Protein backbone atom coordinates (compact mmCIF):
# COMPACT_ATOMS: atom_id res chain seq x y z
CA MET A 1 37.58 213.24 -20.43
CA ALA A 2 35.76 209.89 -20.22
CA LEU A 3 38.66 208.15 -21.99
CA ARG A 4 41.15 209.64 -19.53
CA LYS A 5 39.00 208.47 -16.61
CA THR A 6 38.75 204.96 -18.08
CA ALA A 7 42.50 204.80 -18.63
CA PHE A 8 43.14 205.93 -15.06
CA THR A 9 40.69 203.37 -13.65
CA THR A 10 42.27 200.59 -15.72
CA ALA A 11 45.78 201.56 -14.61
CA LEU A 12 44.68 201.67 -10.99
CA ALA A 13 43.03 198.25 -11.21
CA LEU A 14 46.12 196.73 -12.81
CA SER A 15 48.34 198.27 -10.18
CA CYS A 16 46.19 196.90 -7.37
CA GLY A 17 46.07 193.48 -9.00
CA LEU A 18 49.84 193.33 -9.36
CA SER A 19 50.31 194.52 -5.80
CA MET A 20 47.97 191.80 -4.50
CA LEU A 21 49.83 189.17 -6.54
CA ALA A 22 53.16 190.33 -5.15
CA TYR A 23 51.71 190.26 -1.64
CA ALA A 24 50.24 186.76 -2.13
CA HIS A 25 53.64 185.44 -3.18
CA SER A 26 55.64 187.35 -0.58
CA GLY A 27 57.53 185.04 1.68
CA ALA A 28 57.18 182.10 -0.68
CA THR A 29 60.42 180.30 -1.41
CA GLY A 30 61.61 177.14 -3.04
CA ILE A 31 59.09 174.75 -4.52
CA VAL A 32 56.12 176.71 -3.12
CA LYS A 33 57.24 179.85 -4.96
CA GLU A 34 57.92 177.86 -8.12
CA ARG A 35 54.44 176.34 -8.18
CA MET A 36 52.84 179.70 -7.40
CA ASP A 37 54.71 181.15 -10.36
CA PHE A 38 53.56 178.29 -12.61
CA PHE A 39 49.94 178.85 -11.57
CA THR A 40 50.26 182.58 -12.23
CA GLN A 41 51.65 181.79 -15.69
CA ASN A 42 48.74 179.41 -16.28
CA LYS A 43 46.23 182.12 -15.40
CA ASP A 44 47.97 184.59 -17.70
CA ASN A 45 48.05 182.01 -20.49
CA LEU A 46 44.32 181.34 -20.16
CA LYS A 47 43.57 185.05 -20.43
CA ALA A 48 45.78 185.36 -23.50
CA ILE A 49 44.21 182.27 -25.10
CA LYS A 50 40.76 183.77 -24.61
CA THR A 51 41.89 186.89 -26.44
CA HIS A 52 43.48 184.88 -29.27
CA LEU A 53 40.29 182.84 -29.65
CA ARG A 54 38.27 186.04 -29.92
CA ASP A 55 40.74 187.34 -32.54
CA GLY A 56 40.81 184.02 -34.43
CA ASP A 57 44.58 183.65 -33.96
CA LEU A 58 44.82 179.91 -33.31
CA GLY A 59 48.55 179.78 -34.03
CA ALA A 60 49.26 182.02 -31.04
CA ILE A 61 47.36 179.60 -28.80
CA VAL A 62 49.63 176.61 -29.41
CA PRO A 63 52.64 177.66 -27.27
CA LEU A 64 50.40 178.96 -24.48
CA ALA A 65 48.31 175.79 -24.32
CA THR A 66 51.51 173.72 -24.53
CA GLN A 67 52.80 175.49 -21.40
CA ILE A 68 49.55 174.73 -19.58
CA ARG A 69 49.71 171.08 -20.68
CA ASP A 70 53.35 170.75 -19.66
CA TRP A 71 52.70 172.29 -16.24
CA ALA A 72 49.78 169.90 -15.67
CA GLU A 73 52.06 166.95 -16.37
CA LYS A 74 54.63 167.93 -13.75
CA MET A 75 52.25 169.63 -11.29
CA PRO A 76 51.96 166.77 -8.75
CA ALA A 77 55.74 166.70 -8.31
CA TYR A 78 55.53 170.32 -7.06
CA PHE A 79 53.42 169.27 -4.07
CA PRO A 80 55.73 167.17 -1.92
CA ALA A 81 54.63 166.36 1.61
CA GLY A 82 55.36 169.23 3.97
CA SER A 83 55.00 171.97 1.33
CA ASP A 84 51.76 173.27 2.76
CA GLY A 85 51.32 176.12 5.20
CA LYS A 86 51.54 179.84 4.58
CA PRO A 87 52.11 181.38 2.14
CA SER A 88 50.97 178.31 0.20
CA GLU A 89 47.36 178.36 -0.94
CA ALA A 90 47.26 174.59 -1.28
CA SER A 91 44.53 172.82 0.65
CA PRO A 92 45.51 169.94 2.96
CA GLN A 93 43.05 167.93 0.84
CA ILE A 94 45.83 167.56 -1.76
CA TRP A 95 47.83 165.33 0.57
CA LEU A 96 44.77 163.58 2.01
CA ASP A 97 43.64 162.62 -1.51
CA PHE A 98 46.81 162.78 -3.57
CA SER A 99 45.54 160.27 -6.15
CA GLY A 100 42.49 162.51 -6.68
CA PHE A 101 44.79 165.49 -7.10
CA GLU A 102 46.84 163.52 -9.65
CA ARG A 103 43.63 162.68 -11.55
CA ALA A 104 42.68 166.37 -11.54
CA ALA A 105 46.10 167.31 -12.95
CA SER A 106 45.73 164.56 -15.56
CA ALA A 107 42.31 165.92 -16.59
CA ASN A 108 43.90 169.35 -16.98
CA TYR A 109 46.68 167.80 -19.08
CA GLN A 110 44.18 166.04 -21.35
CA ALA A 111 42.04 169.15 -21.84
CA ALA A 112 45.07 171.36 -22.57
CA ASN A 113 46.42 168.75 -24.99
CA GLU A 114 43.09 168.80 -26.85
CA LEU A 115 43.43 172.58 -27.03
CA VAL A 116 46.93 172.27 -28.49
CA LEU A 117 45.73 169.77 -31.10
CA ALA A 118 42.65 171.79 -32.05
CA ALA A 119 44.69 174.98 -32.41
CA GLU A 120 47.32 173.18 -34.49
CA ASP A 121 44.53 171.83 -36.74
CA GLY A 122 43.04 175.31 -37.12
CA ASP A 123 39.68 174.07 -35.79
CA THR A 124 38.14 177.11 -34.08
CA LYS A 125 35.08 175.31 -32.72
CA ALA A 126 37.15 172.45 -31.26
CA ALA A 127 39.64 174.95 -29.84
CA LEU A 128 36.85 176.90 -28.14
CA ASN A 129 35.41 173.71 -26.66
CA ALA A 130 38.86 172.57 -25.51
CA PHE A 131 39.51 176.00 -23.99
CA LYS A 132 36.27 175.75 -22.00
CA ALA A 133 37.21 172.24 -20.88
CA THR A 134 40.69 173.40 -19.85
CA ALA A 135 39.30 176.32 -17.84
CA SER A 136 36.76 173.97 -16.28
CA THR A 137 39.49 171.58 -15.10
CA CYS A 138 41.30 174.51 -13.49
CA LYS A 139 38.16 175.68 -11.70
CA SER A 140 37.28 172.16 -10.56
CA CYS A 141 40.75 171.53 -9.15
CA HIS A 142 40.82 174.89 -7.37
CA LYS A 143 37.43 174.16 -5.82
CA SER A 144 38.72 170.89 -4.37
CA TYR A 145 42.38 171.59 -3.70
CA LYS A 146 42.94 175.33 -3.16
CA LEU A 147 42.29 177.32 -0.01
CA ASP A 148 39.96 180.27 -0.40
């Protein structure tokens, strides 16, 4: 009975989460939708990397971290002037301090690249540290450049 209740609760939470994601992206088009999709993929990749680290599967981390790194490299190009406003969650601070935003994306690139290299080398400790650094760059950028 407890297992059935847990399974139901998990399914309900996932359903609500997916519904909220669909709602958050509703109405988004063009470059705003594309960048929202890239950020969603990033979040999913970080969750998967965390699981692979726990399981010791460093090989599975490489393509996920590579996607994060590659998105970080092209991220600033997905924030042209005038691409703010609903449903975008981008803070106006991006355009007020675009060079700071570019530095934040570069820091994310560097951290994700370290994660790729550590995973390729099979270095679990370095991969864990690089994962923490990558997640930290995401959090830092969101704090400065994403609306709540």
